[in-house]
N, C-alpha and C. Protein backbone atom coordinates (compact mmCIF):
# COMPACT_ATOMS: atom_id res chain seq x y z
N MET A 1 1.07 -0.93 0.07
CA MET A 1 0.12 -0.41 -0.18
C MET A 1 1.07 1.17 -0.18
N LYS A 2 1.88 0.94 1.01
CA LYS A 2 2.77 2.19 0.84
C LYS A 2 3.53 2.70 -0.56
N PHE A 3 3.52 1.31 -1.13
CA PHE A 3 4.53 1.42 -2.57
C PHE A 3 3.29 2.13 -3.30
N ILE A 4 2.01 1.69 -3.36
CA ILE A 4 0.89 2.24 -4.70
C ILE A 4 0.86 4.07 -4.30
N GLY A 5 0.47 4.04 -2.76
CA GLY A 5 0.53 5.70 -2.18
C GLY A 5 1.69 6.76 -2.98
N PHE A 6 2.74 5.74 -2.95
CA PHE A 6 4.07 6.44 -3.35
C PHE A 6 3.92 6.84 -4.92
N LEU A 7 3.49 5.73 -5.86
CA LEU A 7 3.15 5.93 -7.46
C LEU A 7 2.38 7.03 -7.35
N LEU A 8 1.31 6.87 -6.45
CA LEU A 8 0.03 7.71 -6.48
C LEU A 8 0.90 9.30 -6.69
N LEU A 9 1.42 9.40 -5.59
CA LEU A 9 1.80 11.18 -5.00
C LEU A 9 2.95 11.46 -6.08
N LEU A 10 3.81 10.22 -6.59
CA LEU A 10 4.56 10.80 -7.86
C LEU A 10 3.81 11.14 -9.11
N CYS A 11 3.13 10.50 -9.77
CA CYS A 11 1.73 10.88 -10.76
C CYS A 11 1.49 12.05 -10.53
N CYS A 12 1.15 12.20 -9.63
CA CYS A 12 0.46 13.71 -8.77
C CYS A 12 1.99 14.99 -9.08
N LEU A 13 2.71 14.58 -8.52
CA LEU A 13 3.56 15.31 -8.77
C LEU A 13 4.13 15.86 -10.24
N MET A 14 4.42 14.90 -10.82
CA MET A 14 4.65 14.96 -12.36
C MET A 14 3.59 15.74 -13.39
N GLY A 15 2.25 15.11 -12.99
CA GLY A 15 1.50 16.15 -13.62
C GLY A 15 1.58 17.53 -13.16
N GLU A 16 1.90 17.90 -12.22
CA GLU A 16 2.04 19.31 -11.53
C GLU A 16 2.88 20.03 -12.33
N LEU A 17 3.86 19.39 -12.72
CA LEU A 17 5.25 19.93 -12.89
C LEU A 17 5.01 19.80 -14.59
N LYS A 18 4.60 19.08 -14.74
CA LYS A 18 4.09 19.02 -16.84
C LYS A 18 3.19 20.12 -16.77
N ALA A 19 2.17 20.61 -16.18
CA ALA A 19 1.47 21.98 -16.44
C ALA A 19 1.91 22.78 -16.04
N GLN A 20 2.83 23.09 -15.09
CA GLN A 20 3.92 24.20 -15.03
C GLN A 20 5.04 24.30 -16.13
N THR A 21 5.14 23.66 -16.56
CA THR A 21 6.35 23.82 -17.89
C THR A 21 5.94 23.93 -19.24
N GLU A 22 4.29 23.58 -19.76
CA GLU A 22 3.93 23.96 -20.54
C GLU A 22 3.98 25.03 -21.27
N LYS A 23 4.18 25.10 -22.31
CA LYS A 23 4.34 26.72 -22.75
C LYS A 23 2.74 26.99 -23.24
N PRO A 24 2.65 28.28 -23.13
CA PRO A 24 0.93 28.64 -23.70
C PRO A 24 0.99 28.58 -24.94
N ALA A 25 -0.05 28.31 -25.43
CA ALA A 25 0.22 28.18 -27.12
C ALA A 25 -0.96 29.55 -27.70
N PRO A 26 -1.08 30.16 -28.65
CA PRO A 26 -1.48 31.41 -28.95
C PRO A 26 -3.10 30.53 -29.65
N LEU A 27 -4.40 31.64 -29.35
CA LEU A 27 -5.01 31.01 -29.42
C LEU A 27 -5.91 31.97 -30.33
N ILE A 28 -6.90 31.81 -31.04
CA ILE A 28 -7.71 32.80 -31.67
C ILE A 28 -9.23 32.49 -31.56
N LEU A 29 -10.40 33.06 -31.19
CA LEU A 29 -11.80 32.77 -30.82
C LEU A 29 -12.27 33.50 -31.90
N GLY A 30 -13.13 32.75 -32.90
CA GLY A 30 -14.08 33.15 -33.29
C GLY A 30 -13.60 34.13 -34.57
N LYS A 31 -14.41 34.19 -36.05
CA LYS A 31 -13.87 34.60 -37.12
C LYS A 31 -13.52 36.24 -36.93
N ASN A 32 -14.70 36.98 -36.43
CA ASN A 32 -14.27 38.24 -35.82
C ASN A 32 -13.01 38.80 -35.06
N ASP A 33 -12.67 37.85 -34.30
CA ASP A 33 -11.59 37.63 -33.30
C ASP A 33 -9.95 38.32 -34.28
N THR A 34 -9.65 39.65 -34.03
CA THR A 34 -8.29 40.11 -34.61
C THR A 34 -7.33 40.20 -33.85
N ILE A 35 -7.15 39.85 -32.39
CA ILE A 35 -5.90 40.15 -31.45
C ILE A 35 -5.75 38.85 -31.15
N THR A 36 -4.97 38.29 -31.71
CA THR A 36 -4.21 36.82 -31.02
C THR A 36 -3.45 36.81 -29.79
N THR A 37 -3.45 35.95 -28.80
CA THR A 37 -2.70 35.93 -27.35
C THR A 37 -2.67 34.81 -27.29
N TYR A 38 -1.43 34.90 -26.14
CA TYR A 38 -1.08 33.74 -25.66
C TYR A 38 -1.85 33.49 -23.85
N LEU A 39 -2.67 32.30 -24.12
CA LEU A 39 -3.30 31.56 -22.61
C LEU A 39 -2.17 30.56 -21.98
N THR A 40 -3.06 30.93 -20.65
CA THR A 40 -1.65 30.07 -19.62
C THR A 40 -3.18 29.38 -19.36
N LEU A 41 -2.73 28.22 -18.24
CA LEU A 41 -3.94 27.24 -17.40
C LEU A 41 -4.02 27.48 -16.26
N ASP A 42 -4.59 28.21 -15.43
CA ASP A 42 -4.32 28.46 -13.95
C ASP A 42 -5.69 28.37 -13.57
N SER A 43 -5.40 27.62 -12.27
CA SER A 43 -6.52 26.68 -10.96
C SER A 43 -7.61 26.59 -12.39
N GLY A 44 -7.52 25.89 -13.50
CA GLY A 44 -8.25 25.45 -14.02
C GLY A 44 -9.48 26.18 -15.28
N LYS A 45 -8.42 27.50 -14.97
CA LYS A 45 -9.28 28.63 -16.32
C LYS A 45 -8.05 28.74 -17.03
N LEU A 46 -8.43 29.55 -17.99
CA LEU A 46 -7.60 30.16 -19.35
C LEU A 46 -7.49 31.44 -18.91
N MET A 47 -6.07 31.59 -18.82
CA MET A 47 -5.84 33.31 -18.46
C MET A 47 -5.02 34.27 -19.80
N PRO A 48 -5.48 34.86 -20.35
CA PRO A 48 -4.55 35.68 -21.33
C PRO A 48 -3.22 36.05 -21.07
N TRP A 49 -2.24 35.70 -21.75
CA TRP A 49 -0.93 36.68 -21.32
C TRP A 49 -1.23 37.96 -21.86
N ILE A 50 -0.82 39.03 -20.86
CA ILE A 50 -0.73 40.40 -21.29
C ILE A 50 0.37 41.64 -20.82
N VAL A 51 1.17 41.52 -22.11
CA VAL A 51 2.72 42.44 -21.94
C VAL A 51 1.95 43.59 -21.26
N LEU A 52 2.34 44.31 -20.46
CA LEU A 52 2.19 45.57 -19.57
C LEU A 52 3.43 46.36 -19.80
N ALA A 53 3.72 47.75 -20.25
CA ALA A 53 4.22 48.57 -19.91
C ALA A 53 4.97 48.26 -18.65
N ASP A 54 6.46 48.82 -18.70
CA ASP A 54 7.00 49.00 -17.27
C ASP A 54 6.44 49.96 -16.09
N ILE A 55 6.06 49.48 -14.67
CA ILE A 55 5.67 50.40 -14.00
C ILE A 55 6.82 50.75 -13.05
N ARG A 56 6.70 52.31 -12.75
CA ARG A 56 7.77 52.64 -11.83
C ARG A 56 6.98 52.60 -10.52
N ILE A 57 7.35 52.49 -9.15
CA ILE A 57 6.71 53.03 -8.24
C ILE A 57 8.16 53.52 -7.29
N ASN A 58 7.29 54.74 -6.95
CA ASN A 58 8.53 55.74 -6.04
C ASN A 58 7.68 56.11 -4.84
N ASP A 59 8.53 55.79 -3.72
CA ASP A 59 8.27 56.31 -2.54
C ASP A 59 7.51 57.56 -2.76
N THR A 60 6.77 58.11 -1.35
CA THR A 60 6.06 59.43 -1.41
C THR A 60 7.41 60.04 -0.51
N ARG A 61 8.11 61.38 -0.84
CA ARG A 61 9.24 61.42 0.17
C ARG A 61 8.41 62.58 1.04
N ILE A 62 8.60 62.63 2.02
CA ILE A 62 8.42 63.32 3.50
C ILE A 62 9.54 64.24 3.95
N PHE A 63 9.50 65.42 3.82
CA PHE A 63 10.32 66.67 3.78
C PHE A 63 10.52 66.77 5.45
N LYS A 64 11.51 66.99 5.71
CA LYS A 64 11.79 67.52 7.47
C LYS A 64 10.91 68.90 7.64
N SER A 65 11.28 69.44 6.68
CA SER A 65 10.40 71.05 7.37
C SER A 65 10.25 71.62 6.00
N GLN A 66 9.27 72.98 6.07
CA GLN A 66 8.79 73.50 4.98
C GLN A 66 9.81 73.94 3.88
N ALA A 67 11.36 74.76 4.75
CA ALA A 67 11.89 75.14 3.99
C ALA A 67 12.85 73.95 3.13
N ASP A 68 12.67 72.86 3.37
CA ASP A 68 13.33 72.01 2.39
C ASP A 68 12.39 71.84 1.77
N LEU A 69 11.17 72.02 2.01
CA LEU A 69 9.92 71.41 0.54
C LEU A 69 10.57 72.67 -0.26
N ASN A 70 10.19 73.71 0.36
CA ASN A 70 10.34 74.98 -0.67
C ASN A 70 11.99 74.66 -1.96
N GLN A 71 12.91 74.72 -0.84
CA GLN A 71 13.69 74.12 -1.70
C GLN A 71 13.76 73.46 -2.83
N TYR A 72 13.33 72.05 -2.49
CA TYR A 72 13.04 70.86 -3.48
C TYR A 72 12.10 71.85 -4.47
N ARG A 73 11.22 72.45 -4.31
CA ARG A 73 10.29 73.12 -5.55
C ARG A 73 11.04 73.94 -5.78
N LEU A 74 11.83 74.66 -5.82
CA LEU A 74 12.50 75.47 -6.39
C LEU A 74 13.56 74.78 -6.98
N LEU A 75 14.22 73.80 -6.92
CA LEU A 75 15.09 72.94 -7.55
C LEU A 75 14.19 72.25 -8.97
N ARG A 76 12.99 71.52 -8.78
CA ARG A 76 12.28 71.48 -9.78
C ARG A 76 11.82 72.33 -10.74
N TYR A 77 11.71 73.64 -10.06
CA TYR A 77 11.33 74.82 -11.20
C TYR A 77 12.17 74.67 -12.00
N ASN A 78 13.33 74.90 -11.71
CA ASN A 78 14.93 75.14 -12.28
C ASN A 78 15.36 73.92 -13.24
N VAL A 79 15.22 72.93 -12.68
CA VAL A 79 15.56 71.45 -13.89
C VAL A 79 14.44 71.83 -15.11
N MET A 80 13.34 71.77 -14.58
CA MET A 80 12.21 72.24 -15.97
C MET A 80 12.08 73.12 -16.58
N LYS A 81 12.95 74.09 -16.09
CA LYS A 81 13.20 75.23 -16.98
C LYS A 81 14.29 75.70 -17.91
N VAL A 82 15.27 74.42 -17.55
CA VAL A 82 16.82 74.17 -18.54
C VAL A 82 16.04 72.61 -19.29
N LEU A 83 15.24 72.28 -18.90
CA LEU A 83 15.19 70.81 -19.39
C LEU A 83 15.11 70.88 -21.24
N PRO A 84 13.91 72.26 -21.38
CA PRO A 84 14.20 72.43 -23.32
C PRO A 84 15.16 72.76 -23.77
N TYR A 85 16.48 73.17 -23.16
CA TYR A 85 17.64 73.62 -23.79
C TYR A 85 18.67 72.37 -23.74
N VAL A 86 18.87 71.43 -22.55
CA VAL A 86 18.84 70.28 -23.08
C VAL A 86 18.90 69.26 -23.29
N ARG A 87 17.43 69.41 -23.95
CA ARG A 87 17.11 68.47 -25.04
C ARG A 87 17.49 69.35 -26.95
N PHE A 88 17.06 70.75 -26.54
CA PHE A 88 17.72 71.27 -27.99
C PHE A 88 19.17 70.72 -28.02
N ALA A 89 20.12 70.50 -26.99
CA ALA A 89 21.43 70.71 -26.72
C ALA A 89 22.07 69.14 -27.12
N GLY A 90 21.80 68.44 -26.66
CA GLY A 90 21.56 66.74 -27.55
C GLY A 90 20.73 66.59 -28.64
N GLN A 91 20.02 67.10 -28.98
CA GLN A 91 19.27 66.82 -30.66
C GLN A 91 20.67 67.18 -31.47
N ARG A 92 20.33 68.79 -30.95
CA ARG A 92 21.64 69.56 -32.13
C ARG A 92 23.13 68.92 -32.49
N TYR A 93 23.27 68.57 -30.62
CA TYR A 93 24.78 67.81 -31.03
C TYR A 93 24.93 66.38 -31.96
N ARG A 94 23.59 65.57 -31.60
CA ARG A 94 23.82 64.27 -32.48
C ARG A 94 23.22 64.70 -33.74
N LYS A 95 23.08 65.74 -34.31
CA LYS A 95 22.68 65.63 -35.48
C LYS A 95 24.18 66.23 -36.43
N LEU A 96 24.89 67.25 -35.87
CA LEU A 96 25.99 67.53 -35.69
C LEU A 96 27.04 66.67 -35.82
N GLN A 97 27.13 65.44 -35.19
CA GLN A 97 28.07 64.51 -35.32
C GLN A 97 27.10 63.76 -36.28
N ARG A 98 26.32 63.36 -37.03
CA ARG A 98 25.82 62.69 -38.00
C ARG A 98 26.04 63.38 -39.30
N ASP A 99 26.32 64.54 -39.49
CA ASP A 99 26.48 65.14 -40.39
C ASP A 99 27.88 65.62 -40.46
N LEU A 100 28.87 65.67 -39.46
CA LEU A 100 30.21 65.74 -39.56
C LEU A 100 30.53 63.98 -40.49
N ALA A 101 30.21 63.32 -39.86
CA ALA A 101 30.57 61.73 -40.16
C ALA A 101 29.97 61.53 -41.56
N LEU A 102 29.22 62.12 -42.30
CA LEU A 102 28.82 62.10 -43.97
C LEU A 102 29.63 62.75 -44.63
N THR A 103 30.43 63.64 -44.04
CA THR A 103 31.54 64.47 -45.33
C THR A 103 32.70 64.21 -44.58
N GLY A 104 33.69 64.09 -45.99
CA GLY A 104 35.03 64.31 -45.23
C GLY A 104 35.93 65.22 -45.83
N ASP A 105 35.09 66.55 -46.24
CA ASP A 105 35.41 67.80 -46.21
C ASP A 105 35.47 68.71 -45.21
N LYS A 106 36.59 68.71 -45.23
CA LYS A 106 37.20 69.74 -44.22
C LYS A 106 36.47 71.39 -44.41
N HIS A 107 36.31 72.04 -45.18
CA HIS A 107 35.70 72.80 -45.31
C HIS A 107 33.97 73.10 -45.13
N ARG A 108 33.18 71.83 -45.58
CA ARG A 108 31.90 71.35 -44.99
C ARG A 108 31.82 71.46 -43.76
N GLN A 109 32.87 70.85 -43.57
CA GLN A 109 32.91 70.16 -41.74
C GLN A 109 32.83 71.24 -40.75
N LYS A 110 33.33 72.62 -41.37
CA LYS A 110 34.07 73.66 -40.45
C LYS A 110 32.55 74.57 -40.96
N GLU A 111 31.67 74.38 -42.26
CA GLU A 111 30.37 75.16 -42.38
C GLU A 111 29.67 74.96 -41.23
N LEU A 112 29.38 73.30 -41.31
CA LEU A 112 28.82 72.42 -40.14
C LEU A 112 28.77 73.24 -38.20
N VAL A 113 30.02 72.89 -38.21
CA VAL A 113 30.25 73.49 -37.32
C VAL A 113 30.18 74.82 -36.71
N ASP A 114 30.00 75.84 -37.87
CA ASP A 114 29.50 77.31 -37.39
C ASP A 114 28.28 77.36 -37.57
N SER A 115 27.71 76.67 -38.31
CA SER A 115 25.96 76.76 -38.04
C SER A 115 25.70 76.57 -36.87
N CYS A 116 26.38 75.39 -36.34
CA CYS A 116 25.62 74.73 -34.86
C CYS A 116 25.95 75.93 -33.74
N GLU A 117 27.13 76.64 -34.04
CA GLU A 117 27.52 77.67 -33.23
C GLU A 117 26.50 78.19 -33.24
N LEU A 118 26.24 79.20 -34.44
CA LEU A 118 25.38 80.36 -34.69
C LEU A 118 23.98 79.85 -34.14
N GLN A 119 23.47 79.01 -34.14
CA GLN A 119 22.42 78.26 -33.55
C GLN A 119 22.47 78.34 -32.15
N ILE A 120 23.44 77.81 -31.41
CA ILE A 120 23.59 78.10 -29.97
C ILE A 120 23.75 79.52 -29.61
N LYS A 121 24.18 80.64 -30.09
CA LYS A 121 24.37 81.32 -29.84
C LYS A 121 22.92 82.28 -29.85
N THR A 122 22.44 82.22 -31.10
CA THR A 122 21.08 82.80 -31.03
C THR A 122 20.16 82.10 -30.02
N LEU A 123 20.25 81.40 -29.51
CA LEU A 123 19.45 81.04 -28.56
C LEU A 123 20.03 81.37 -27.17
N PHE A 124 21.35 81.26 -27.06
CA PHE A 124 21.82 82.01 -25.83
C PHE A 124 21.78 83.61 -25.92
N ASN A 125 21.42 84.47 -27.02
CA ASN A 125 21.12 85.71 -26.76
C ASN A 125 19.34 86.11 -26.52
N LYS A 126 18.74 84.94 -26.64
CA LYS A 126 17.69 85.11 -26.64
C LYS A 126 16.99 84.67 -25.42
N GLU A 127 17.49 83.89 -25.28
CA GLU A 127 16.78 82.95 -23.64
C GLU A 127 18.13 82.39 -22.54
N ILE A 128 18.83 81.72 -23.10
CA ILE A 128 19.70 81.30 -21.91
C ILE A 128 20.61 82.07 -20.91
N LYS A 129 20.81 83.72 -22.04
CA LYS A 129 21.34 84.57 -20.81
C LYS A 129 21.00 84.98 -19.79
N ASP A 130 19.40 84.81 -19.78
CA ASP A 130 18.53 85.42 -18.74
C ASP A 130 17.96 84.26 -17.51
N LEU A 131 19.26 83.10 -17.90
CA LEU A 131 18.88 81.88 -16.64
C LEU A 131 19.65 82.39 -15.52
N THR A 132 19.09 82.28 -14.32
CA THR A 132 19.85 82.21 -12.86
C THR A 132 21.06 81.45 -12.71
N ILE A 133 22.35 81.71 -12.25
CA ILE A 133 23.53 80.83 -11.88
C ILE A 133 22.98 79.74 -11.43
N SER A 134 22.38 79.32 -10.71
CA SER A 134 21.66 77.80 -10.42
C SER A 134 21.40 77.32 -11.49
N GLN A 135 20.56 78.21 -12.29
CA GLN A 135 19.75 77.25 -13.38
C GLN A 135 21.18 76.68 -14.70
N GLY A 136 21.93 78.14 -14.73
CA GLY A 136 23.11 77.39 -15.95
C GLY A 136 23.76 76.42 -14.87
N GLU A 137 23.82 76.50 -14.22
CA GLU A 137 24.74 75.28 -13.34
C GLU A 137 24.21 73.74 -13.36
N ILE A 138 22.76 74.05 -13.16
CA ILE A 138 22.19 72.63 -13.90
C ILE A 138 22.07 72.54 -15.10
N LEU A 139 21.86 73.12 -15.91
CA LEU A 139 22.15 73.09 -17.43
C LEU A 139 23.22 72.36 -17.92
N ILE A 140 24.78 72.98 -17.52
CA ILE A 140 25.93 72.11 -17.89
C ILE A 140 25.70 70.69 -17.22
N LYS A 141 25.28 70.81 -15.90
CA LYS A 141 25.53 69.25 -15.36
C LYS A 141 24.33 68.43 -16.64
N LEU A 142 22.87 68.96 -17.05
CA LEU A 142 22.19 68.13 -17.78
C LEU A 142 22.94 67.59 -19.19
N ILE A 143 23.51 68.67 -19.26
CA ILE A 143 23.73 68.31 -20.98
C ILE A 143 24.96 67.66 -20.83
N ASP A 144 25.82 67.17 -19.71
CA ASP A 144 26.40 65.83 -19.72
C ASP A 144 25.82 64.90 -19.65
N ARG A 145 24.80 64.80 -19.00
CA ARG A 145 23.91 63.52 -18.76
C ARG A 145 23.31 63.17 -20.03
N GLU A 146 22.92 64.63 -20.54
CA GLU A 146 22.69 64.11 -22.23
C GLU A 146 23.16 64.03 -23.16
N THR A 147 24.73 64.12 -23.32
CA THR A 147 25.08 64.15 -24.41
C THR A 147 26.28 62.88 -23.87
N GLY A 148 26.65 62.89 -22.57
CA GLY A 148 27.93 61.75 -22.10
C GLY A 148 29.11 62.96 -22.59
N ASN A 149 28.93 64.02 -22.57
CA ASN A 149 30.27 64.82 -22.81
C ASN A 149 29.84 66.24 -22.13
N THR A 150 31.13 66.63 -21.55
CA THR A 150 31.01 67.92 -20.72
C THR A 150 30.78 68.74 -21.47
N SER A 151 30.40 70.66 -21.51
CA SER A 151 30.52 71.31 -22.46
C SER A 151 31.39 71.61 -22.56
N TYR A 152 32.88 71.47 -21.61
CA TYR A 152 34.26 71.62 -22.37
C TYR A 152 34.89 70.84 -23.41
N ALA A 153 34.31 69.46 -22.92
CA ALA A 153 34.39 68.53 -24.06
C ALA A 153 34.13 68.99 -25.37
N MET A 154 33.01 69.08 -25.56
CA MET A 154 32.22 69.38 -26.70
C MET A 154 32.94 70.37 -27.29
N VAL A 155 33.19 71.53 -26.58
CA VAL A 155 33.54 72.87 -27.57
C VAL A 155 35.18 72.34 -27.93
N LYS A 156 35.55 72.07 -26.84
CA LYS A 156 37.13 71.78 -27.29
C LYS A 156 36.71 70.35 -28.46
N ASP A 157 36.28 69.80 -28.87
CA ASP A 157 36.58 68.87 -29.48
C ASP A 157 35.79 69.61 -31.09
N LEU A 158 35.13 70.22 -30.93
CA LEU A 158 34.42 70.86 -32.43
C LEU A 158 34.96 72.37 -32.64
N LYS A 159 35.63 73.04 -32.01
CA LYS A 159 36.69 74.46 -31.88
C LYS A 159 37.60 74.39 -31.31
N GLY A 160 38.21 73.58 -30.76
CA GLY A 160 39.32 73.28 -30.68
C GLY A 160 39.92 74.09 -28.99
N GLY A 161 40.82 73.58 -28.07
CA GLY A 161 41.52 74.05 -26.87
C GLY A 161 41.62 75.62 -26.71
N PHE A 162 41.58 76.37 -27.80
CA PHE A 162 42.20 77.28 -27.03
C PHE A 162 40.49 78.22 -26.81
N LYS A 163 39.64 77.99 -28.20
CA LYS A 163 38.28 78.43 -27.99
C LYS A 163 37.71 77.51 -26.79
N ALA A 164 37.89 76.61 -25.96
CA ALA A 164 37.29 76.33 -24.85
C ALA A 164 37.61 76.50 -24.21
N PHE A 165 39.37 77.21 -23.90
CA PHE A 165 39.84 77.86 -22.62
C PHE A 165 39.22 79.00 -22.68
N LEU A 166 38.65 79.51 -23.51
CA LEU A 166 38.25 81.00 -23.22
C LEU A 166 36.77 81.22 -23.01
N LEU A 167 36.08 80.21 -23.32
CA LEU A 167 34.82 79.89 -22.72
C LEU A 167 34.50 79.64 -21.46
N GLN A 168 35.63 78.24 -20.76
CA GLN A 168 35.72 78.29 -19.56
C GLN A 168 35.77 79.51 -18.64
N SER A 169 37.10 80.46 -19.39
CA SER A 169 37.16 81.25 -18.18
C SER A 169 35.95 82.59 -18.42
N ALA A 170 35.22 82.57 -19.38
CA ALA A 170 34.06 83.61 -19.53
C ALA A 170 33.37 82.88 -18.05
N ALA A 171 32.74 82.13 -18.19
CA ALA A 171 31.68 80.69 -17.49
C ALA A 171 32.13 81.09 -16.25
N ARG A 172 33.44 80.88 -15.42
CA ARG A 172 34.51 81.16 -14.55
C ARG A 172 33.66 82.33 -13.89
N ILE A 173 33.40 83.42 -14.58
CA ILE A 173 33.03 84.83 -14.07
C ILE A 173 31.77 84.54 -13.53
N PHE A 174 31.18 83.99 -14.06
CA PHE A 174 29.55 83.73 -13.77
C PHE A 174 29.52 82.35 -12.62
N GLY A 175 30.30 82.30 -12.18
CA GLY A 175 30.72 80.78 -11.30
C GLY A 175 30.03 79.55 -11.66
N HIS A 176 30.68 79.38 -13.09
CA HIS A 176 30.55 78.00 -13.80
C HIS A 176 31.45 77.23 -14.20
N ASP A 177 31.24 76.43 -14.28
CA ASP A 177 32.06 75.51 -14.79
C ASP A 177 32.38 74.33 -15.65
N LEU A 178 32.53 74.58 -16.71
CA LEU A 178 32.38 73.64 -18.23
C LEU A 178 32.54 72.42 -17.91
N LYS A 179 33.30 71.68 -17.62
CA LYS A 179 34.03 71.01 -17.10
C LYS A 179 33.04 70.23 -16.16
N GLU A 180 32.21 70.60 -15.41
CA GLU A 180 31.51 70.02 -14.48
C GLU A 180 30.68 69.29 -15.13
N THR A 181 30.57 67.33 -14.28
CA THR A 181 29.76 66.57 -14.71
C THR A 181 28.81 66.57 -14.14
N TYR A 182 27.60 65.25 -14.51
CA TYR A 182 26.45 64.97 -13.79
C TYR A 182 26.29 63.61 -13.32
N ASP A 183 26.67 63.27 -11.66
CA ASP A 183 26.56 62.11 -10.92
C ASP A 183 25.46 61.68 -10.83
N PRO A 184 24.91 60.63 -10.91
CA PRO A 184 23.05 60.44 -10.59
C PRO A 184 23.07 60.24 -8.82
N GLU A 185 24.18 59.32 -8.29
CA GLU A 185 24.15 59.37 -6.89
C GLU A 185 24.55 60.98 -6.36
N GLN A 186 24.85 61.45 -6.86
CA GLN A 186 25.31 62.62 -5.98
C GLN A 186 24.42 63.65 -6.37
N GLN A 187 23.65 63.34 -7.20
CA GLN A 187 22.32 64.88 -7.85
C GLN A 187 21.26 63.73 -7.34
N LYS A 188 20.53 63.09 -6.58
CA LYS A 188 19.15 62.21 -6.54
C LYS A 188 18.01 62.97 -6.89
N ASP A 189 18.52 64.42 -6.33
CA ASP A 189 17.34 65.11 -6.09
C ASP A 189 16.90 65.56 -7.89
N ILE A 190 17.88 65.81 -8.59
CA ILE A 190 17.13 66.13 -9.93
C ILE A 190 17.39 64.96 -10.72
N GLU A 191 17.66 63.69 -10.23
CA GLU A 191 17.76 62.20 -10.70
C GLU A 191 15.86 62.28 -11.02
N ALA A 192 15.91 62.45 -9.15
CA ALA A 192 14.31 62.03 -9.13
C ALA A 192 13.33 62.55 -9.97
N ILE A 193 13.89 64.08 -9.82
CA ILE A 193 12.77 64.92 -10.88
C ILE A 193 12.53 64.38 -12.05
N LEU A 194 13.74 64.33 -12.83
CA LEU A 194 13.50 64.16 -14.38
C LEU A 194 13.17 62.56 -14.31
N LEU A 195 13.43 61.88 -13.65
CA LEU A 195 12.61 60.62 -13.68
C LEU A 195 11.15 60.47 -13.52
N GLN A 196 10.70 61.62 -12.52
CA GLN A 196 8.95 61.90 -12.40
C GLN A 196 8.47 62.28 -13.73
N ALA A 197 9.61 62.98 -14.43
CA ALA A 197 8.81 64.08 -15.66
C ALA A 197 8.62 62.83 -16.91
N GLY A 198 9.21 62.00 -16.61
CA GLY A 198 9.26 60.63 -17.87
C GLY A 198 10.44 61.25 -18.77
N TYR A 199 11.49 62.11 -18.31
CA TYR A 199 12.56 62.24 -19.10
C TYR A 199 13.91 61.45 -19.30
N VAL A 200 13.94 60.93 -20.53
CA VAL A 200 14.91 59.92 -21.12
C VAL A 200 15.98 60.42 -21.85
N SER A 201 17.22 60.48 -21.46
CA SER A 201 18.31 60.81 -22.69
C SER A 201 18.81 59.83 -23.40
N SER A 202 19.51 60.27 -24.68
CA SER A 202 20.15 59.28 -25.73
C SER A 202 21.24 58.41 -25.00
N ASN A 203 21.27 58.40 -23.62
CA ASN A 203 22.89 57.55 -22.79
C ASN A 203 22.40 56.95 -21.89
N ASP A 204 20.18 56.84 -21.51
CA ASP A 204 20.08 55.54 -20.96
C ASP A 204 19.33 54.88 -21.60
């Protein structure tokens, strides 16, 4: 009897294991159905497999004081203020890199770089020059996050070391450092704001 009981138990376990390892099969029901989906058997019921987008779950942050909350709100305002410029800088830089890669003509390459520089200067004269020092610092960091290159490295690569030195010297006057990099561990608040805004850079 013990042996028979053991065989029955073994059969049950094998059946359960087989049910767990069976691959779901696509099934279409009805001539008017247009969606094919995978089904799996769960507790005797056919359950569809539905692929959902990733869901991000964030903790609700509790601030120690109203002053901390106000500081965070100001940071969020500054990040959202410069974000359009960061997107533009990233898109324009990637376009320039693609255009430069398509031509070996040094004269044409210089024209492309000068055109990009003119666009940046026009944007600066119209809008960026009105940014606060804090917003300018965030802009420099996020450009590094967006492109994978510091502002200094980008200028040096495109316009040479002397031009990069001049711009770095001018930036220093306003309290900026074009060599500043972005570290998501050190900039946790900025990173959290970007993630909440659904921002994805080309380097993510």
